Amino acid sequence: TLPAPVPGAHPASPLPAAPITVHYS
């Protein structure tokens, strides 16, 4: 029932994560 993998397919490379600002108290 699981989809068969596509031959030669590679997961897309994720974009590098950008910095975020979190205010912590």
PDBML (XML) file of the C-alpha atoms, coordinates in Angstrom:
<?xml version="1.0" encoding="UTF-8" ?>
<PDBx:datablock datablockName="MODEL"
   xmlns:PDBx="http://pdbml.pdb.org/schema/pdbx-v50.xsd"
   xmlns:xsi="http://www.w3.org/2001/XMLSchema-instance"
   xsi:schemaLocation="http://pdbml.pdb.org/schema/pdbx-v50.xsd pdbx-v50.xsd">
   <PDBx:atom_siteCategory>
      <PDBx:atom_site id="1">
         <PDBx:B_iso_or_equiv>0.00</PDBx:B_iso_or_equiv>
         <PDBx:Cartn_x>0.000</PDBx:Cartn_x>
         <PDBx:Cartn_y>0.000</PDBx:Cartn_y>
         <PDBx:Cartn_z>0.000</PDBx:Cartn_z>
         <PDBx:auth_asym_id>A</PDBx:auth_asym_id>
         <PDBx:auth_atom_id>CA</PDBx:auth_atom_id>
         <PDBx:auth_comp_id>THR</PDBx:auth_comp_id>
         <PDBx:auth_seq_id>1</PDBx:auth_seq_id>
         <PDBx:group_PDB>ATOM</PDBx:group_PDB>
         <PDBx:label_alt_id xsi:nil="true" />
         <PDBx:label_asym_id>A</PDBx:label_asym_id>
         <PDBx:label_atom_id>CA</PDBx:label_atom_id>
         <PDBx:label_comp_id>THR</PDBx:label_comp_id>
         <PDBx:label_entity_id>1</PDBx:label_entity_id>
         <PDBx:label_seq_id>1</PDBx:label_seq_id>
         <PDBx:occupancy>1.00</PDBx:occupancy>
         <PDBx:pdbx_PDB_model_num>1</PDBx:pdbx_PDB_model_num>
         <PDBx:type_symbol>C</PDBx:type_symbol>
      </PDBx:atom_site>
      <PDBx:atom_site id="2">
         <PDBx:B_iso_or_equiv>0.00</PDBx:B_iso_or_equiv>
         <PDBx:Cartn_x>2.994</PDBx:Cartn_x>
         <PDBx:Cartn_y>2.293</PDBx:Cartn_y>
         <PDBx:Cartn_z>0.277</PDBx:Cartn_z>
         <PDBx:auth_asym_id>A</PDBx:auth_asym_id>
         <PDBx:auth_atom_id>CA</PDBx:auth_atom_id>
         <PDBx:auth_comp_id>LEU</PDBx:auth_comp_id>
         <PDBx:auth_seq_id>2</PDBx:auth_seq_id>
         <PDBx:group_PDB>ATOM</PDBx:group_PDB>
         <PDBx:label_alt_id xsi:nil="true" />
         <PDBx:label_asym_id>A</PDBx:label_asym_id>
         <PDBx:label_atom_id>CA</PDBx:label_atom_id>
         <PDBx:label_comp_id>LEU</PDBx:label_comp_id>
         <PDBx:label_entity_id>1</PDBx:label_entity_id>
         <PDBx:label_seq_id>2</PDBx:label_seq_id>
         <PDBx:occupancy>1.00</PDBx:occupancy>
         <PDBx:pdbx_PDB_model_num>1</PDBx:pdbx_PDB_model_num>
         <PDBx:type_symbol>C</PDBx:type_symbol>
      </PDBx:atom_site>
      <PDBx:atom_site id="3">
         <PDBx:B_iso_or_equiv>0.00</PDBx:B_iso_or_equiv>
         <PDBx:Cartn_x>3.921</PDBx:Cartn_x>
         <PDBx:Cartn_y>4.139</PDBx:Cartn_y>
         <PDBx:Cartn_z>-2.920</PDBx:Cartn_z>
         <PDBx:auth_asym_id>A</PDBx:auth_asym_id>
         <PDBx:auth_atom_id>CA</PDBx:auth_atom_id>
         <PDBx:auth_comp_id>PRO</PDBx:auth_comp_id>
         <PDBx:auth_seq_id>3</PDBx:auth_seq_id>
         <PDBx:group_PDB>ATOM</PDBx:group_PDB>
         <PDBx:label_alt_id xsi:nil="true" />
         <PDBx:label_asym_id>A</PDBx:label_asym_id>
         <PDBx:label_atom_id>CA</PDBx:label_atom_id>
         <PDBx:label_comp_id>PRO</PDBx:label_comp_id>
         <PDBx:label_entity_id>1</PDBx:label_entity_id>
         <PDBx:label_seq_id>3</PDBx:label_seq_id>
         <PDBx:occupancy>1.00</PDBx:occupancy>
         <PDBx:pdbx_PDB_model_num>1</PDBx:pdbx_PDB_model_num>
         <PDBx:type_symbol>C</PDBx:type_symbol>
      </PDBx:atom_site>
      <PDBx:atom_site id="4">
         <PDBx:B_iso_or_equiv>0.00</PDBx:B_iso_or_equiv>
         <PDBx:Cartn_x>6.892</PDBx:Cartn_x>
         <PDBx:Cartn_y>2.660</PDBx:Cartn_y>
         <PDBx:Cartn_z>-4.722</PDBx:Cartn_z>
         <PDBx:auth_asym_id>A</PDBx:auth_asym_id>
         <PDBx:auth_atom_id>CA</PDBx:auth_atom_id>
         <PDBx:auth_comp_id>ALA</PDBx:auth_comp_id>
         <PDBx:auth_seq_id>4</PDBx:auth_seq_id>
         <PDBx:group_PDB>ATOM</PDBx:group_PDB>
         <PDBx:label_alt_id xsi:nil="true" />
         <PDBx:label_asym_id>A</PDBx:label_asym_id>
         <PDBx:label_atom_id>CA</PDBx:label_atom_id>
         <PDBx:label_comp_id>ALA</PDBx:label_comp_id>
         <PDBx:label_entity_id>1</PDBx:label_entity_id>
         <PDBx:label_seq_id>4</PDBx:label_seq_id>
         <PDBx:occupancy>1.00</PDBx:occupancy>
         <PDBx:pdbx_PDB_model_num>1</PDBx:pdbx_PDB_model_num>
         <PDBx:type_symbol>C</PDBx:type_symbol>
      </PDBx:atom_site>
      <PDBx:atom_site id="5">
         <PDBx:B_iso_or_equiv>0.00</PDBx:B_iso_or_equiv>
         <PDBx:Cartn_x>9.978</PDBx:Cartn_x>
         <PDBx:Cartn_y>4.871</PDBx:Cartn_y>
         <PDBx:Cartn_z>-4.841</PDBx:Cartn_z>
         <PDBx:auth_asym_id>A</PDBx:auth_asym_id>
         <PDBx:auth_atom_id>CA</PDBx:auth_atom_id>
         <PDBx:auth_comp_id>PRO</PDBx:auth_comp_id>
         <PDBx:auth_seq_id>5</PDBx:auth_seq_id>
         <PDBx:group_PDB>ATOM</PDBx:group_PDB>
         <PDBx:label_alt_id xsi:nil="true" />
         <PDBx:label_asym_id>A</PDBx:label_asym_id>
         <PDBx:label_atom_id>CA</PDBx:label_atom_id>
         <PDBx:label_comp_id>PRO</PDBx:label_comp_id>
         <PDBx:label_entity_id>1</PDBx:label_entity_id>
         <PDBx:label_seq_id>5</PDBx:label_seq_id>
         <PDBx:occupancy>1.00</PDBx:occupancy>
         <PDBx:pdbx_PDB_model_num>1</PDBx:pdbx_PDB_model_num>
         <PDBx:type_symbol>C</PDBx:type_symbol>
      </PDBx:atom_site>
      <PDBx:atom_site id="6">
         <PDBx:B_iso_or_equiv>0.00</PDBx:B_iso_or_equiv>
         <PDBx:Cartn_x>10.667</PDBx:Cartn_x>
         <PDBx:Cartn_y>6.565</PDBx:Cartn_y>
         <PDBx:Cartn_z>-8.135</PDBx:Cartn_z>
         <PDBx:auth_asym_id>A</PDBx:auth_asym_id>
         <PDBx:auth_atom_id>CA</PDBx:auth_atom_id>
         <PDBx:auth_comp_id>VAL</PDBx:auth_comp_id>
         <PDBx:auth_seq_id>6</PDBx:auth_seq_id>
         <PDBx:group_PDB>ATOM</PDBx:group_PDB>
         <PDBx:label_alt_id xsi:nil="true" />
         <PDBx:label_asym_id>A</PDBx:label_asym_id>
         <PDBx:label_atom_id>CA</PDBx:label_atom_id>
         <PDBx:label_comp_id>VAL</PDBx:label_comp_id>
         <PDBx:label_entity_id>1</PDBx:label_entity_id>
         <PDBx:label_seq_id>6</PDBx:label_seq_id>
         <PDBx:occupancy>1.00</PDBx:occupancy>
         <PDBx:pdbx_PDB_model_num>1</PDBx:pdbx_PDB_model_num>
         <PDBx:type_symbol>C</PDBx:type_symbol>
      </PDBx:atom_site>
      <PDBx:atom_site id="7">
         <PDBx:B_iso_or_equiv>0.00</PDBx:B_iso_or_equiv>
         <PDBx:Cartn_x>13.988</PDBx:Cartn_x>
         <PDBx:Cartn_y>5.291</PDBx:Cartn_y>
         <PDBx:Cartn_z>-9.561</PDBx:Cartn_z>
         <PDBx:auth_asym_id>A</PDBx:auth_asym_id>
         <PDBx:auth_atom_id>CA</PDBx:auth_atom_id>
         <PDBx:auth_comp_id>PRO</PDBx:auth_comp_id>
         <PDBx:auth_seq_id>7</PDBx:auth_seq_id>
         <PDBx:group_PDB>ATOM</PDBx:group_PDB>
         <PDBx:label_alt_id xsi:nil="true" />
         <PDBx:label_asym_id>A</PDBx:label_asym_id>
         <PDBx:label_atom_id>CA</PDBx:label_atom_id>
         <PDBx:label_comp_id>PRO</PDBx:label_comp_id>
         <PDBx:label_entity_id>1</PDBx:label_entity_id>
         <PDBx:label_seq_id>7</PDBx:label_seq_id>
         <PDBx:occupancy>1.00</PDBx:occupancy>
         <PDBx:pdbx_PDB_model_num>1</PDBx:pdbx_PDB_model_num>
         <PDBx:type_symbol>C</PDBx:type_symbol>
      </PDBx:atom_site>
      <PDBx:atom_site id="8">
         <PDBx:B_iso_or_equiv>0.00</PDBx:B_iso_or_equiv>
         <PDBx:Cartn_x>16.660</PDBx:Cartn_x>
         <PDBx:Cartn_y>7.986</PDBx:Cartn_y>
         <PDBx:Cartn_z>-9.656</PDBx:Cartn_z>
         <PDBx:auth_asym_id>A</PDBx:auth_asym_id>
         <PDBx:auth_atom_id>CA</PDBx:auth_atom_id>
         <PDBx:auth_comp_id>GLY</PDBx:auth_comp_id>
         <PDBx:auth_seq_id>8</PDBx:auth_seq_id>
         <PDBx:group_PDB>ATOM</PDBx:group_PDB>
         <PDBx:label_alt_id xsi:nil="true" />
         <PDBx:label_asym_id>A</PDBx:label_asym_id>
         <PDBx:label_atom_id>CA</PDBx:label_atom_id>
         <PDBx:label_comp_id>GLY</PDBx:label_comp_id>
         <PDBx:label_entity_id>1</PDBx:label_entity_id>
         <PDBx:label_seq_id>8</PDBx:label_seq_id>
         <PDBx:occupancy>1.00</PDBx:occupancy>
         <PDBx:pdbx_PDB_model_num>1</PDBx:pdbx_PDB_model_num>
         <PDBx:type_symbol>C</PDBx:type_symbol>
      </PDBx:atom_site>
      <PDBx:atom_site id="9">
         <PDBx:B_iso_or_equiv>0.00</PDBx:B_iso_or_equiv>
         <PDBx:Cartn_x>14.550</PDBx:Cartn_x>
         <PDBx:Cartn_y>10.429</PDBx:Cartn_y>
         <PDBx:Cartn_z>-7.648</PDBx:Cartn_z>
         <PDBx:auth_asym_id>A</PDBx:auth_asym_id>
         <PDBx:auth_atom_id>CA</PDBx:auth_atom_id>
         <PDBx:auth_comp_id>ALA</PDBx:auth_comp_id>
         <PDBx:auth_seq_id>9</PDBx:auth_seq_id>
         <PDBx:group_PDB>ATOM</PDBx:group_PDB>
         <PDBx:label_alt_id xsi:nil="true" />
         <PDBx:label_asym_id>A</PDBx:label_asym_id>
         <PDBx:label_atom_id>CA</PDBx:label_atom_id>
         <PDBx:label_comp_id>ALA</PDBx:label_comp_id>
         <PDBx:label_entity_id>1</PDBx:label_entity_id>
         <PDBx:label_seq_id>9</PDBx:label_seq_id>
         <PDBx:occupancy>1.00</PDBx:occupancy>
         <PDBx:pdbx_PDB_model_num>1</PDBx:pdbx_PDB_model_num>
         <PDBx:type_symbol>C</PDBx:type_symbol>
      </PDBx:atom_site>
      <PDBx:atom_site id="10">
         <PDBx:B_iso_or_equiv>0.00</PDBx:B_iso_or_equiv>
         <PDBx:Cartn_x>16.337</PDBx:Cartn_x>
         <PDBx:Cartn_y>12.350</PDBx:Cartn_y>
         <PDBx:Cartn_z>-4.935</PDBx:Cartn_z>
         <PDBx:auth_asym_id>A</PDBx:auth_asym_id>
         <PDBx:auth_atom_id>CA</PDBx:auth_atom_id>
         <PDBx:auth_comp_id>HIS</PDBx:auth_comp_id>
         <PDBx:auth_seq_id>10</PDBx:auth_seq_id>
         <PDBx:group_PDB>ATOM</PDBx:group_PDB>
         <PDBx:label_alt_id xsi:nil="true" />
         <PDBx:label_asym_id>A</PDBx:label_asym_id>
         <PDBx:label_atom_id>CA</PDBx:label_atom_id>
         <PDBx:label_comp_id>HIS</PDBx:label_comp_id>
         <PDBx:label_entity_id>1</PDBx:label_entity_id>
         <PDBx:label_seq_id>10</PDBx:label_seq_id>
         <PDBx:occupancy>1.00</PDBx:occupancy>
         <PDBx:pdbx_PDB_model_num>1</PDBx:pdbx_PDB_model_num>
         <PDBx:type_symbol>C</PDBx:type_symbol>
      </PDBx:atom_site>
      <PDBx:atom_site id="11">
         <PDBx:B_iso_or_equiv>0.00</PDBx:B_iso_or_equiv>
         <PDBx:Cartn_x>14.704</PDBx:Cartn_x>
         <PDBx:Cartn_y>14.557</PDBx:Cartn_y>
         <PDBx:Cartn_z>-2.350</PDBx:Cartn_z>
         <PDBx:auth_asym_id>A</PDBx:auth_asym_id>
         <PDBx:auth_atom_id>CA</PDBx:auth_atom_id>
         <PDBx:auth_comp_id>PRO</PDBx:auth_comp_id>
         <PDBx:auth_seq_id>11</PDBx:auth_seq_id>
         <PDBx:group_PDB>ATOM</PDBx:group_PDB>
         <PDBx:label_alt_id xsi:nil="true" />
         <PDBx:label_asym_id>A</PDBx:label_asym_id>
         <PDBx:label_atom_id>CA</PDBx:label_atom_id>
         <PDBx:label_comp_id>PRO</PDBx:label_comp_id>
         <PDBx:label_entity_id>1</PDBx:label_entity_id>
         <PDBx:label_seq_id>11</PDBx:label_seq_id>
         <PDBx:occupancy>1.00</PDBx:occupancy>
         <PDBx:pdbx_PDB_model_num>1</PDBx:pdbx_PDB_model_num>
         <PDBx:type_symbol>C</PDBx:type_symbol>
      </PDBx:atom_site>
      <PDBx:atom_site id="12">
         <PDBx:B_iso_or_equiv>0.00</PDBx:B_iso_or_equiv>
         <PDBx:Cartn_x>15.131</PDBx:Cartn_x>
         <PDBx:Cartn_y>18.225</PDBx:Cartn_y>
         <PDBx:Cartn_z>-3.075</PDBx:Cartn_z>
         <PDBx:auth_asym_id>A</PDBx:auth_asym_id>
         <PDBx:auth_atom_id>CA</PDBx:auth_atom_id>
         <PDBx:auth_comp_id>ALA</PDBx:auth_comp_id>
         <PDBx:auth_seq_id>12</PDBx:auth_seq_id>
         <PDBx:group_PDB>ATOM</PDBx:group_PDB>
         <PDBx:label_alt_id xsi:nil="true" />
         <PDBx:label_asym_id>A</PDBx:label_asym_id>
         <PDBx:label_atom_id>CA</PDBx:label_atom_id>
         <PDBx:label_comp_id>ALA</PDBx:label_comp_id>
         <PDBx:label_entity_id>1</PDBx:label_entity_id>
         <PDBx:label_seq_id>12</PDBx:label_seq_id>
         <PDBx:occupancy>1.00</PDBx:occupancy>
         <PDBx:pdbx_PDB_model_num>1</PDBx:pdbx_PDB_model_num>
         <PDBx:type_symbol>C</PDBx:type_symbol>
      </PDBx:atom_site>
      <PDBx:atom_site id="13">
         <PDBx:B_iso_or_equiv>0.00</PDBx:B_iso_or_equiv>
         <PDBx:Cartn_x>17.862</PDBx:Cartn_x>
         <PDBx:Cartn_y>19.880</PDBx:Cartn_y>
         <PDBx:Cartn_z>-1.052</PDBx:Cartn_z>
         <PDBx:auth_asym_id>A</PDBx:auth_asym_id>
         <PDBx:auth_atom_id>CA</PDBx:auth_atom_id>
         <PDBx:auth_comp_id>SER</PDBx:auth_comp_id>
         <PDBx:auth_seq_id>13</PDBx:auth_seq_id>
         <PDBx:group_PDB>ATOM</PDBx:group_PDB>
         <PDBx:label_alt_id xsi:nil="true" />
         <PDBx:label_asym_id>A</PDBx:label_asym_id>
         <PDBx:label_atom_id>CA</PDBx:label_atom_id>
         <PDBx:label_comp_id>SER</PDBx:label_comp_id>
         <PDBx:label_entity_id>1</PDBx:label_entity_id>
         <PDBx:label_seq_id>13</PDBx:label_seq_id>
         <PDBx:occupancy>1.00</PDBx:occupancy>
         <PDBx:pdbx_PDB_model_num>1</PDBx:pdbx_PDB_model_num>
         <PDBx:type_symbol>C</PDBx:type_symbol>
      </PDBx:atom_site>
      <PDBx:atom_site id="14">
         <PDBx:B_iso_or_equiv>0.00</PDBx:B_iso_or_equiv>
         <PDBx:Cartn_x>16.319</PDBx:Cartn_x>
         <PDBx:Cartn_y>22.085</PDBx:Cartn_y>
         <PDBx:Cartn_z>1.598</PDBx:Cartn_z>
         <PDBx:auth_asym_id>A</PDBx:auth_asym_id>
         <PDBx:auth_atom_id>CA</PDBx:auth_atom_id>
         <PDBx:auth_comp_id>PRO</PDBx:auth_comp_id>
         <PDBx:auth_seq_id>14</PDBx:auth_seq_id>
         <PDBx:group_PDB>ATOM</PDBx:group_PDB>
         <PDBx:label_alt_id xsi:nil="true" />
         <PDBx:label_asym_id>A</PDBx:label_asym_id>
         <PDBx:label_atom_id>CA</PDBx:label_atom_id>
         <PDBx:label_comp_id>PRO</PDBx:label_comp_id>
         <PDBx:label_entity_id>1</PDBx:label_entity_id>
         <PDBx:label_seq_id>14</PDBx:label_seq_id>
         <PDBx:occupancy>1.00</PDBx:occupancy>
         <PDBx:pdbx_PDB_model_num>1</PDBx:pdbx_PDB_model_num>
         <PDBx:type_symbol>C</PDBx:type_symbol>
      </PDBx:atom_site>
      <PDBx:atom_site id="15">
         <PDBx:B_iso_or_equiv>0.00</PDBx:B_iso_or_equiv>
         <PDBx:Cartn_x>17.138</PDBx:Cartn_x>
         <PDBx:Cartn_y>25.759</PDBx:Cartn_y>
         <PDBx:Cartn_z>1.498</PDBx:Cartn_z>
         <PDBx:auth_asym_id>A</PDBx:auth_asym_id>
         <PDBx:auth_atom_id>CA</PDBx:auth_atom_id>
         <PDBx:auth_comp_id>LEU</PDBx:auth_comp_id>
         <PDBx:auth_seq_id>15</PDBx:auth_seq_id>
         <PDBx:group_PDB>ATOM</PDBx:group_PDB>
         <PDBx:label_alt_id xsi:nil="true" />
         <PDBx:label_asym_id>A</PDBx:label_asym_id>
         <PDBx:label_atom_id>CA</PDBx:label_atom_id>
         <PDBx:label_comp_id>LEU</PDBx:label_comp_id>
         <PDBx:label_entity_id>1</PDBx:label_entity_id>
         <PDBx:label_seq_id>15</PDBx:label_seq_id>
         <PDBx:occupancy>1.00</PDBx:occupancy>
         <PDBx:pdbx_PDB_model_num>1</PDBx:pdbx_PDB_model_num>
         <PDBx:type_symbol>C</PDBx:type_symbol>
      </PDBx:atom_site>
      <PDBx:atom_site id="16">
         <PDBx:B_iso_or_equiv>0.00</PDBx:B_iso_or_equiv>
         <PDBx:Cartn_x>19.417</PDBx:Cartn_x>
         <PDBx:Cartn_y>26.898</PDBx:Cartn_y>
         <PDBx:Cartn_z>4.298</PDBx:Cartn_z>
         <PDBx:auth_asym_id>A</PDBx:auth_asym_id>
         <PDBx:auth_atom_id>CA</PDBx:auth_atom_id>
         <PDBx:auth_comp_id>PRO</PDBx:auth_comp_id>
         <PDBx:auth_seq_id>16</PDBx:auth_seq_id>
         <PDBx:group_PDB>ATOM</PDBx:group_PDB>
         <PDBx:label_alt_id xsi:nil="true" />
         <PDBx:label_asym_id>A</PDBx:label_asym_id>
         <PDBx:label_atom_id>CA</PDBx:label_atom_id>
         <PDBx:label_comp_id>PRO</PDBx:label_comp_id>
         <PDBx:label_entity_id>1</PDBx:label_entity_id>
         <PDBx:label_seq_id>16</PDBx:label_seq_id>
         <PDBx:occupancy>1.00</PDBx:occupancy>
         <PDBx:pdbx_PDB_model_num>1</PDBx:pdbx_PDB_model_num>
         <PDBx:type_symbol>C</PDBx:type_symbol>
      </PDBx:atom_site>
      <PDBx:atom_site id="17">
         <PDBx:B_iso_or_equiv>0.00</PDBx:B_iso_or_equiv>
         <PDBx:Cartn_x>17.456</PDBx:Cartn_x>
         <PDBx:Cartn_y>28.097</PDBx:Cartn_y>
         <PDBx:Cartn_z>7.303</PDBx:Cartn_z>
         <PDBx:auth_asym_id>A</PDBx:auth_asym_id>
         <PDBx:auth_atom_id>CA</PDBx:auth_atom_id>
         <PDBx:auth_comp_id>ALA</PDBx:auth_comp_id>
         <PDBx:auth_seq_id>17</PDBx:auth_seq_id>
         <PDBx:group_PDB>ATOM</PDBx:group_PDB>
         <PDBx:label_alt_id xsi:nil="true" />
         <PDBx:label_asym_id>A</PDBx:label_asym_id>
         <PDBx:label_atom_id>CA</PDBx:label_atom_id>
         <PDBx:label_comp_id>ALA</PDBx:label_comp_id>
         <PDBx:label_entity_id>1</PDBx:label_entity_id>
         <PDBx:label_seq_id>17</PDBx:label_seq_id>
         <PDBx:occupancy>1.00</PDBx:occupancy>
         <PDBx:pdbx_PDB_model_num>1</PDBx:pdbx_PDB_model_num>
         <PDBx:type_symbol>C</PDBx:type_symbol>
      </PDBx:atom_site>
      <PDBx:atom_site id="18">
         <PDBx:B_iso_or_equiv>0.00</PDBx:B_iso_or_equiv>
         <PDBx:Cartn_x>17.384</PDBx:Cartn_x>
         <PDBx:Cartn_y>31.850</PDBx:Cartn_y>
         <PDBx:Cartn_z>7.850</PDBx:Cartn_z>
         <PDBx:auth_asym_id>A</PDBx:auth_asym_id>
         <PDBx:auth_atom_id>CA</PDBx:auth_atom_id>
         <PDBx:auth_comp_id>ALA</PDBx:auth_comp_id>
         <PDBx:auth_seq_id>18</PDBx:auth_seq_id>
         <PDBx:group_PDB>ATOM</PDBx:group_PDB>
         <PDBx:label_alt_id xsi:nil="true" />
         <PDBx:label_asym_id>A</PDBx:label_asym_id>
         <PDBx:label_atom_id>CA</PDBx:label_atom_id>
         <PDBx:label_comp_id>ALA</PDBx:label_comp_id>
         <PDBx:label_entity_id>1</PDBx:label_entity_id>
         <PDBx:label_seq_id>18</PDBx:label_seq_id>
         <PDBx:occupancy>1.00</PDBx:occupancy>
         <PDBx:pdbx_PDB_model_num>1</PDBx:pdbx_PDB_model_num>
         <PDBx:type_symbol>C</PDBx:type_symbol>
      </PDBx:atom_site>
      <PDBx:atom_site id="19">
         <PDBx:B_iso_or_equiv>0.00</PDBx:B_iso_or_equiv>
         <PDBx:Cartn_x>18.008</PDBx:Cartn_x>
         <PDBx:Cartn_y>33.318</PDBx:Cartn_y>
         <PDBx:Cartn_z>11.295</PDBx:Cartn_z>
         <PDBx:auth_asym_id>A</PDBx:auth_asym_id>
         <PDBx:auth_atom_id>CA</PDBx:auth_atom_id>
         <PDBx:auth_comp_id>PRO</PDBx:auth_comp_id>
         <PDBx:auth_seq_id>19</PDBx:auth_seq_id>
         <PDBx:group_PDB>ATOM</PDBx:group_PDB>
         <PDBx:label_alt_id xsi:nil="true" />
         <PDBx:label_asym_id>A</PDBx:label_asym_id>
         <PDBx:label_atom_id>CA</PDBx:label_atom_id>
         <PDBx:label_comp_id>PRO</PDBx:label_comp_id>
         <PDBx:label_entity_id>1</PDBx:label_entity_id>
         <PDBx:label_seq_id>19</PDBx:label_seq_id>
         <PDBx:occupancy>1.00</PDBx:occupancy>
         <PDBx:pdbx_PDB_model_num>1</PDBx:pdbx_PDB_model_num>
         <PDBx:type_symbol>C</PDBx:type_symbol>
      </PDBx:atom_site>
      <PDBx:atom_site id="20">
         <PDBx:B_iso_or_equiv>0.00</PDBx:B_iso_or_equiv>
         <PDBx:Cartn_x>14.989</PDBx:Cartn_x>
         <PDBx:Cartn_y>34.394</PDBx:Cartn_y>
         <PDBx:Cartn_z>13.311</PDBx:Cartn_z>
         <PDBx:auth_asym_id>A</PDBx:auth_asym_id>
         <PDBx:auth_atom_id>CA</PDBx:auth_atom_id>
         <PDBx:auth_comp_id>ILE</PDBx:auth_comp_id>
         <PDBx:auth_seq_id>20</PDBx:auth_seq_id>
         <PDBx:group_PDB>ATOM</PDBx:group_PDB>
         <PDBx:label_alt_id xsi:nil="true" />
         <PDBx:label_asym_id>A</PDBx:label_asym_id>
         <PDBx:label_atom_id>CA</PDBx:label_atom_id>
         <PDBx:label_comp_id>ILE</PDBx:label_comp_id>
         <PDBx:label_entity_id>1</PDBx:label_entity_id>
         <PDBx:label_seq_id>20</PDBx:label_seq_id>
         <PDBx:occupancy>1.00</PDBx:occupancy>
         <PDBx:pdbx_PDB_model_num>1</PDBx:pdbx_PDB_model_num>
         <PDBx:type_symbol>C</PDBx:type_symbol>
      </PDBx:atom_site>
      <PDBx:atom_site id="21">
         <PDBx:B_iso_or_equiv>0.00</PDBx:B_iso_or_equiv>
         <PDBx:Cartn_x>14.717</PDBx:Cartn_x>
         <PDBx:Cartn_y>36.494</PDBx:Cartn_y>
         <PDBx:Cartn_z>16.461</PDBx:Cartn_z>
         <PDBx:auth_asym_id>A</PDBx:auth_asym_id>
         <PDBx:auth_atom_id>CA</PDBx:auth_atom_id>
         <PDBx:auth_comp_id>THR</PDBx:auth_comp_id>
         <PDBx:auth_seq_id>21</PDBx:auth_seq_id>
         <PDBx:group_PDB>ATOM</PDBx:group_PDB>
         <PDBx:label_alt_id xsi:nil="true" />
         <PDBx:label_asym_id>A</PDBx:label_asym_id>
         <PDBx:label_atom_id>CA</PDBx:label_atom_id>
         <PDBx:label_comp_id>THR</PDBx:label_comp_id>
         <PDBx:label_entity_id>1</PDBx:label_entity_id>
         <PDBx:label_seq_id>21</PDBx:label_seq_id>
         <PDBx:occupancy>1.00</PDBx:occupancy>
         <PDBx:pdbx_PDB_model_num>1</PDBx:pdbx_PDB_model_num>
         <PDBx:type_symbol>C</PDBx:type_symbol>
      </PDBx:atom_site>
      <PDBx:atom_site id="22">
         <PDBx:B_iso_or_equiv>0.00</PDBx:B_iso_or_equiv>
         <PDBx:Cartn_x>12.849</PDBx:Cartn_x>
         <PDBx:Cartn_y>35.202</PDBx:Cartn_y>
         <PDBx:Cartn_z>19.508</PDBx:Cartn_z>
         <PDBx:auth_asym_id>A</PDBx:auth_asym_id>
         <PDBx:auth_atom_id>CA</PDBx:auth_atom_id>
         <PDBx:auth_comp_id>VAL</PDBx:auth_comp_id>
         <PDBx:auth_seq_id>22</PDBx:auth_seq_id>
         <PDBx:group_PDB>ATOM</PDBx:group_PDB>
         <PDBx:label_alt_id xsi:nil="true" />
         <PDBx:label_asym_id>A</PDBx:label_asym_id>
         <PDBx:label_atom_id>CA</PDBx:label_atom_id>
         <PDBx:label_comp_id>VAL</PDBx:label_comp_id>
         <PDBx:label_entity_id>1</PDBx:label_entity_id>
         <PDBx:label_seq_id>22</PDBx:label_seq_id>
         <PDBx:occupancy>1.00</PDBx:occupancy>
         <PDBx:pdbx_PDB_model_num>1</PDBx:pdbx_PDB_model_num>
         <PDBx:type_symbol>C</PDBx:type_symbol>
      </PDBx:atom_site>
      <PDBx:atom_site id="23">
         <PDBx:B_iso_or_equiv>0.00</PDBx:B_iso_or_equiv>
         <PDBx:Cartn_x>12.150</PDBx:Cartn_x>
         <PDBx:Cartn_y>37.457</PDBx:Cartn_y>
         <PDBx:Cartn_z>22.500</PDBx:Cartn_z>
         <PDBx:auth_asym_id>A</PDBx:auth_asym_id>
         <PDBx:auth_atom_id>CA</PDBx:auth_atom_id>
         <PDBx:auth_comp_id>HIS</PDBx:auth_comp_id>
         <PDBx:auth_seq_id>23</PDBx:auth_seq_id>
         <PDBx:group_PDB>ATOM</PDBx:group_PDB>
         <PDBx:label_alt_id xsi:nil="true" />
         <PDBx:label_asym_id>A</PDBx:label_asym_id>
         <PDBx:label_atom_id>CA</PDBx:label_atom_id>
         <PDBx:label_comp_id>HIS</PDBx:label_comp_id>
         <PDBx:label_entity_id>1</PDBx:label_entity_id>
         <PDBx:label_seq_id>23</PDBx:label_seq_id>
         <PDBx:occupancy>1.00</PDBx:occupancy>
         <PDBx:pdbx_PDB_model_num>1</PDBx:pdbx_PDB_model_num>
         <PDBx:type_symbol>C</PDBx:type_symbol>
      </PDBx:atom_site>
      <PDBx:atom_site id="24">
         <PDBx:B_iso_or_equiv>0.00</PDBx:B_iso_or_equiv>
         <PDBx:Cartn_x>12.588</PDBx:Cartn_x>
         <PDBx:Cartn_y>35.382</PDBx:Cartn_y>
         <PDBx:Cartn_z>25.653</PDBx:Cartn_z>
         <PDBx:auth_asym_id>A</PDBx:auth_asym_id>
         <PDBx:auth_atom_id>CA</PDBx:auth_atom_id>
         <PDBx:auth_comp_id>TYR</PDBx:auth_comp_id>
         <PDBx:auth_seq_id>24</PDBx:auth_seq_id>
         <PDBx:group_PDB>ATOM</PDBx:group_PDB>
         <PDBx:label_alt_id xsi:nil="true" />
         <PDBx:label_asym_id>A</PDBx:label_asym_id>
         <PDBx:label_atom_id>CA</PDBx:label_atom_id>
         <PDBx:label_comp_id>TYR</PDBx:label_comp_id>
         <PDBx:label_entity_id>1</PDBx:label_entity_id>
         <PDBx:label_seq_id>24</PDBx:label_seq_id>
         <PDBx:occupancy>1.00</PDBx:occupancy>
         <PDBx:pdbx_PDB_model_num>1</PDBx:pdbx_PDB_model_num>
         <PDBx:type_symbol>C</PDBx:type_symbol>
      </PDBx:atom_site>
      <PDBx:atom_site id="25">
         <PDBx:B_iso_or_equiv>0.00</PDBx:B_iso_or_equiv>
         <PDBx:Cartn_x>11.641</PDBx:Cartn_x>
         <PDBx:Cartn_y>36.411</PDBx:Cartn_y>
         <PDBx:Cartn_z>29.195</PDBx:Cartn_z>
         <PDBx:auth_asym_id>A</PDBx:auth_asym_id>
         <PDBx:auth_atom_id>CA</PDBx:auth_atom_id>
         <PDBx:auth_comp_id>SER</PDBx:auth_comp_id>
         <PDBx:auth_seq_id>25</PDBx:auth_seq_id>
         <PDBx:group_PDB>ATOM</PDBx:group_PDB>
         <PDBx:label_alt_id xsi:nil="true" />
         <PDBx:label_asym_id>A</PDBx:label_asym_id>
         <PDBx:label_atom_id>CA</PDBx:label_atom_id>
         <PDBx:label_comp_id>SER</PDBx:label_comp_id>
         <PDBx:label_entity_id>1</PDBx:label_entity_id>
         <PDBx:label_seq_id>25</PDBx:label_seq_id>
         <PDBx:occupancy>1.00</PDBx:occupancy>
         <PDBx:pdbx_PDB_model_num>1</PDBx:pdbx_PDB_model_num>
         <PDBx:type_symbol>C</PDBx:type_symbol>
      </PDBx:atom_site>
   </PDBx:atom_siteCategory>
</PDBx:datablock>
